Amino acid sequence: MVDFSLIIATRNRAANLEKCLAAIAQLRTTADWELIIVDNAATDDTAAVIQKFKAETPMTVVPAFEAKPGLGRAQSRTFRRAR
């Protein structure tokens, strides 16, 4: 069980997502936590940004995909994935 899950829902904001993930990578904590990133049917490079970040970081990154656009749908997808 993790102490907390940080959830990011994103759609077609790959450049902003890269900046956000760079900031998150700087976080330092002793807590056991996970980062869940849901790609909400993006048509840009969002999926590639997520996979690159997951490959390059030691933290627990859980990618998720929601095919139907909408913040509520994206949030529901991540809630089901959170530990």
N, C-alpha and C. Protein backbone atom coordinates (compact mmCIF):
# COMPACT_ATOMS: atom_id res chain seq x y z
N MET A 1 0.84 -1.18 0.00
CA MET A 1 0.00 0.00 0.00
C MET A 1 0.89 1.25 0.00
N VAL A 2 0.51 2.22 -0.77
CA VAL A 2 1.26 3.48 -0.83
C VAL A 2 0.65 4.50 0.11
N ASP A 3 1.47 5.47 0.50
CA ASP A 3 0.99 6.54 1.37
C ASP A 3 0.04 7.48 0.64
N PHE A 4 0.37 7.76 -0.63
CA PHE A 4 -0.52 8.60 -1.43
C PHE A 4 -0.25 8.40 -2.91
N SER A 5 -1.23 8.80 -3.71
CA SER A 5 -1.14 8.76 -5.18
C SER A 5 -1.28 10.19 -5.67
N LEU A 6 -0.34 10.60 -6.50
CA LEU A 6 -0.42 11.90 -7.18
C LEU A 6 -0.97 11.61 -8.56
N ILE A 7 -2.06 12.26 -8.92
CA ILE A 7 -2.75 11.96 -10.17
C ILE A 7 -2.72 13.17 -11.09
N ILE A 8 -2.33 12.92 -12.34
CA ILE A 8 -2.33 13.95 -13.38
C ILE A 8 -3.20 13.44 -14.52
N ALA A 9 -4.20 14.21 -14.89
CA ALA A 9 -5.01 13.92 -16.07
C ALA A 9 -4.64 14.96 -17.12
N THR A 10 -4.33 14.50 -18.33
CA THR A 10 -3.88 15.44 -19.36
C THR A 10 -4.41 15.05 -20.73
N ARG A 11 -4.58 16.06 -21.56
CA ARG A 11 -5.02 15.84 -22.94
C ARG A 11 -4.43 16.93 -23.83
N ASN A 12 -3.61 16.51 -24.78
CA ASN A 12 -3.04 17.41 -25.79
C ASN A 12 -2.27 18.58 -25.19
N ARG A 13 -1.47 18.28 -24.17
CA ARG A 13 -0.62 19.31 -23.57
C ARG A 13 0.77 18.73 -23.32
N ALA A 14 1.31 18.06 -24.30
CA ALA A 14 2.59 17.35 -24.14
C ALA A 14 3.71 18.27 -23.66
N ALA A 15 3.82 19.46 -24.20
CA ALA A 15 4.89 20.37 -23.80
C ALA A 15 4.73 20.78 -22.33
N ASN A 16 3.53 21.10 -21.93
CA ASN A 16 3.27 21.46 -20.53
C ASN A 16 3.47 20.26 -19.62
N LEU A 17 3.12 19.07 -20.09
CA LEU A 17 3.29 17.86 -19.30
C LEU A 17 4.77 17.62 -19.02
N GLU A 18 5.62 17.84 -20.00
CA GLU A 18 7.06 17.67 -19.79
C GLU A 18 7.56 18.58 -18.67
N LYS A 19 7.12 19.82 -18.67
CA LYS A 19 7.52 20.77 -17.63
C LYS A 19 6.99 20.33 -16.27
N CYS A 20 5.77 19.90 -16.23
CA CYS A 20 5.16 19.44 -14.99
C CYS A 20 5.92 18.24 -14.42
N LEU A 21 6.22 17.27 -15.28
CA LEU A 21 6.93 16.07 -14.84
C LEU A 21 8.35 16.39 -14.39
N ALA A 22 8.99 17.35 -15.02
CA ALA A 22 10.33 17.76 -14.59
C ALA A 22 10.28 18.32 -13.17
N ALA A 23 9.25 19.08 -12.87
CA ALA A 23 9.09 19.62 -11.52
C ALA A 23 8.79 18.50 -10.52
N ILE A 24 7.95 17.58 -10.89
CA ILE A 24 7.62 16.46 -10.00
C ILE A 24 8.86 15.61 -9.73
N ALA A 25 9.71 15.46 -10.71
CA ALA A 25 10.93 14.67 -10.55
C ALA A 25 11.84 15.25 -9.47
N GLN A 26 11.67 16.52 -9.15
CA GLN A 26 12.49 17.18 -8.14
C GLN A 26 11.97 16.97 -6.71
N LEU A 27 10.77 16.40 -6.60
CA LEU A 27 10.19 16.19 -5.27
C LEU A 27 11.04 15.22 -4.46
N ARG A 28 11.20 15.51 -3.20
CA ARG A 28 11.94 14.64 -2.29
C ARG A 28 11.05 14.36 -1.08
N THR A 29 10.81 13.10 -0.81
CA THR A 29 9.99 12.70 0.32
C THR A 29 10.38 11.30 0.75
N THR A 30 10.11 10.99 1.97
CA THR A 30 10.34 9.63 2.45
C THR A 30 9.08 8.78 2.33
N ALA A 31 8.00 9.39 1.89
CA ALA A 31 6.73 8.67 1.74
C ALA A 31 6.83 7.68 0.58
N ASP A 32 6.04 6.63 0.67
CA ASP A 32 5.90 5.68 -0.43
C ASP A 32 4.71 6.16 -1.25
N TRP A 33 4.97 6.59 -2.48
CA TRP A 33 3.90 7.16 -3.27
C TRP A 33 4.02 6.74 -4.72
N GLU A 34 2.97 6.99 -5.46
CA GLU A 34 2.94 6.67 -6.89
C GLU A 34 2.43 7.87 -7.66
N LEU A 35 2.87 7.96 -8.90
CA LEU A 35 2.42 9.00 -9.82
C LEU A 35 1.59 8.31 -10.90
N ILE A 36 0.32 8.67 -10.98
CA ILE A 36 -0.56 8.13 -12.01
C ILE A 36 -0.82 9.23 -13.02
N ILE A 37 -0.52 8.93 -14.28
CA ILE A 37 -0.73 9.91 -15.35
C ILE A 37 -1.71 9.31 -16.34
N VAL A 38 -2.84 9.97 -16.52
CA VAL A 38 -3.82 9.46 -17.48
C VAL A 38 -3.81 10.32 -18.73
N ASP A 39 -3.60 9.65 -19.83
CA ASP A 39 -3.67 10.25 -21.17
C ASP A 39 -5.14 10.19 -21.57
N ASN A 40 -5.77 11.35 -21.64
CA ASN A 40 -7.20 11.41 -21.93
C ASN A 40 -7.45 11.62 -23.42
N ALA A 41 -7.15 10.56 -24.20
CA ALA A 41 -7.40 10.53 -25.64
C ALA A 41 -6.62 11.62 -26.39
N ALA A 42 -5.40 11.85 -25.97
CA ALA A 42 -4.58 12.88 -26.61
C ALA A 42 -4.22 12.48 -28.05
N THR A 43 -4.05 13.49 -28.88
CA THR A 43 -3.66 13.26 -30.27
C THR A 43 -2.27 13.84 -30.55
N ASP A 44 -1.59 14.31 -29.51
CA ASP A 44 -0.24 14.84 -29.68
C ASP A 44 0.77 13.82 -29.13
N ASP A 45 1.89 14.27 -28.62
CA ASP A 45 2.95 13.38 -28.14
C ASP A 45 2.82 13.01 -26.66
N THR A 46 1.66 13.16 -26.10
CA THR A 46 1.45 12.88 -24.68
C THR A 46 1.91 11.48 -24.29
N ALA A 47 1.51 10.47 -25.04
CA ALA A 47 1.87 9.09 -24.70
C ALA A 47 3.39 8.91 -24.69
N ALA A 48 4.07 9.50 -25.65
CA ALA A 48 5.53 9.39 -25.71
C ALA A 48 6.19 10.10 -24.53
N VAL A 49 5.66 11.24 -24.13
CA VAL A 49 6.19 11.98 -22.98
C VAL A 49 6.05 11.13 -21.71
N ILE A 50 4.90 10.50 -21.56
CA ILE A 50 4.66 9.66 -20.38
C ILE A 50 5.63 8.47 -20.37
N GLN A 51 5.77 7.79 -21.48
CA GLN A 51 6.64 6.62 -21.54
C GLN A 51 8.11 6.99 -21.32
N LYS A 52 8.53 8.12 -21.87
CA LYS A 52 9.91 8.57 -21.68
C LYS A 52 10.17 8.87 -20.21
N PHE A 53 9.24 9.57 -19.58
CA PHE A 53 9.41 9.90 -18.17
C PHE A 53 9.45 8.62 -17.33
N LYS A 54 8.56 7.71 -17.61
CA LYS A 54 8.53 6.45 -16.86
C LYS A 54 9.85 5.70 -16.99
N ALA A 55 10.43 5.69 -18.17
CA ALA A 55 11.69 4.98 -18.41
C ALA A 55 12.87 5.66 -17.72
N GLU A 56 12.80 6.95 -17.52
CA GLU A 56 13.94 7.71 -17.02
C GLU A 56 13.91 8.01 -15.52
N THR A 57 12.82 7.71 -14.85
CA THR A 57 12.71 8.07 -13.44
C THR A 57 12.64 6.82 -12.56
N PRO A 58 13.21 6.89 -11.37
CA PRO A 58 13.13 5.75 -10.47
C PRO A 58 11.80 5.66 -9.71
N MET A 59 11.01 6.72 -9.76
CA MET A 59 9.75 6.70 -9.01
C MET A 59 8.72 5.78 -9.67
N THR A 60 7.71 5.42 -8.92
CA THR A 60 6.64 4.58 -9.45
C THR A 60 5.71 5.42 -10.31
N VAL A 61 5.70 5.13 -11.60
CA VAL A 61 4.85 5.85 -12.55
C VAL A 61 3.87 4.84 -13.14
N VAL A 62 2.60 5.15 -13.01
CA VAL A 62 1.55 4.28 -13.52
C VAL A 62 0.84 5.01 -14.65
N PRO A 63 1.12 4.63 -15.91
CA PRO A 63 0.41 5.27 -17.01
C PRO A 63 -0.98 4.66 -17.16
N ALA A 64 -1.92 5.51 -17.54
CA ALA A 64 -3.29 5.05 -17.79
C ALA A 64 -3.78 5.74 -19.06
N PHE A 65 -4.79 5.17 -19.67
CA PHE A 65 -5.36 5.75 -20.89
C PHE A 65 -6.87 5.72 -20.78
N GLU A 66 -7.48 6.84 -21.10
CA GLU A 66 -8.94 6.94 -21.17
C GLU A 66 -9.30 7.41 -22.56
N ALA A 67 -9.99 6.57 -23.30
CA ALA A 67 -10.30 6.84 -24.70
C ALA A 67 -11.36 7.91 -24.91
N LYS A 68 -12.22 8.11 -23.93
CA LYS A 68 -13.27 9.11 -24.08
C LYS A 68 -12.84 10.40 -23.39
N PRO A 69 -12.78 11.51 -24.15
CA PRO A 69 -12.37 12.78 -23.56
C PRO A 69 -13.32 13.23 -22.45
N GLY A 70 -12.75 13.91 -21.49
CA GLY A 70 -13.54 14.45 -20.39
C GLY A 70 -12.81 14.27 -19.07
N LEU A 71 -12.71 15.34 -18.30
CA LEU A 71 -11.98 15.29 -17.05
C LEU A 71 -12.57 14.27 -16.09
N GLY A 72 -13.87 14.20 -15.99
CA GLY A 72 -14.51 13.24 -15.10
C GLY A 72 -14.16 11.81 -15.46
N ARG A 73 -14.17 11.51 -16.75
CA ARG A 73 -13.79 10.17 -17.20
C ARG A 73 -12.32 9.88 -16.88
N ALA A 74 -11.46 10.85 -17.12
CA ALA A 74 -10.03 10.68 -16.84
C ALA A 74 -9.81 10.46 -15.35
N GLN A 75 -10.48 11.23 -14.52
CA GLN A 75 -10.33 11.07 -13.08
C GLN A 75 -10.85 9.70 -12.63
N SER A 76 -11.96 9.27 -13.16
CA SER A 76 -12.49 7.95 -12.82
C SER A 76 -11.50 6.86 -13.19
N ARG A 77 -10.86 6.98 -14.33
CA ARG A 77 -9.87 5.99 -14.76
C ARG A 77 -8.72 5.92 -13.77
N THR A 78 -8.24 7.06 -13.29
CA THR A 78 -7.12 7.05 -12.36
C THR A 78 -7.52 6.54 -10.98
N PHE A 79 -8.71 6.85 -10.54
CA PHE A 79 -9.14 6.37 -9.23
C PHE A 79 -9.18 4.86 -9.18
N ARG A 80 -9.52 4.24 -10.29
CA ARG A 80 -9.54 2.77 -10.34
C ARG A 80 -8.13 2.19 -10.32
N ARG A 81 -7.15 2.97 -10.74
CA ARG A 81 -5.77 2.49 -10.80
C ARG A 81 -4.99 2.76 -9.51
N ALA A 82 -5.44 3.70 -8.71
CA ALA A 82 -4.70 4.08 -7.52
C ALA A 82 -4.65 2.94 -6.50
N ARG A 83 -3.48 2.83 -5.86
CA ARG A 83 -3.34 1.83 -4.81
C ARG A 83 -3.56 2.48 -3.46
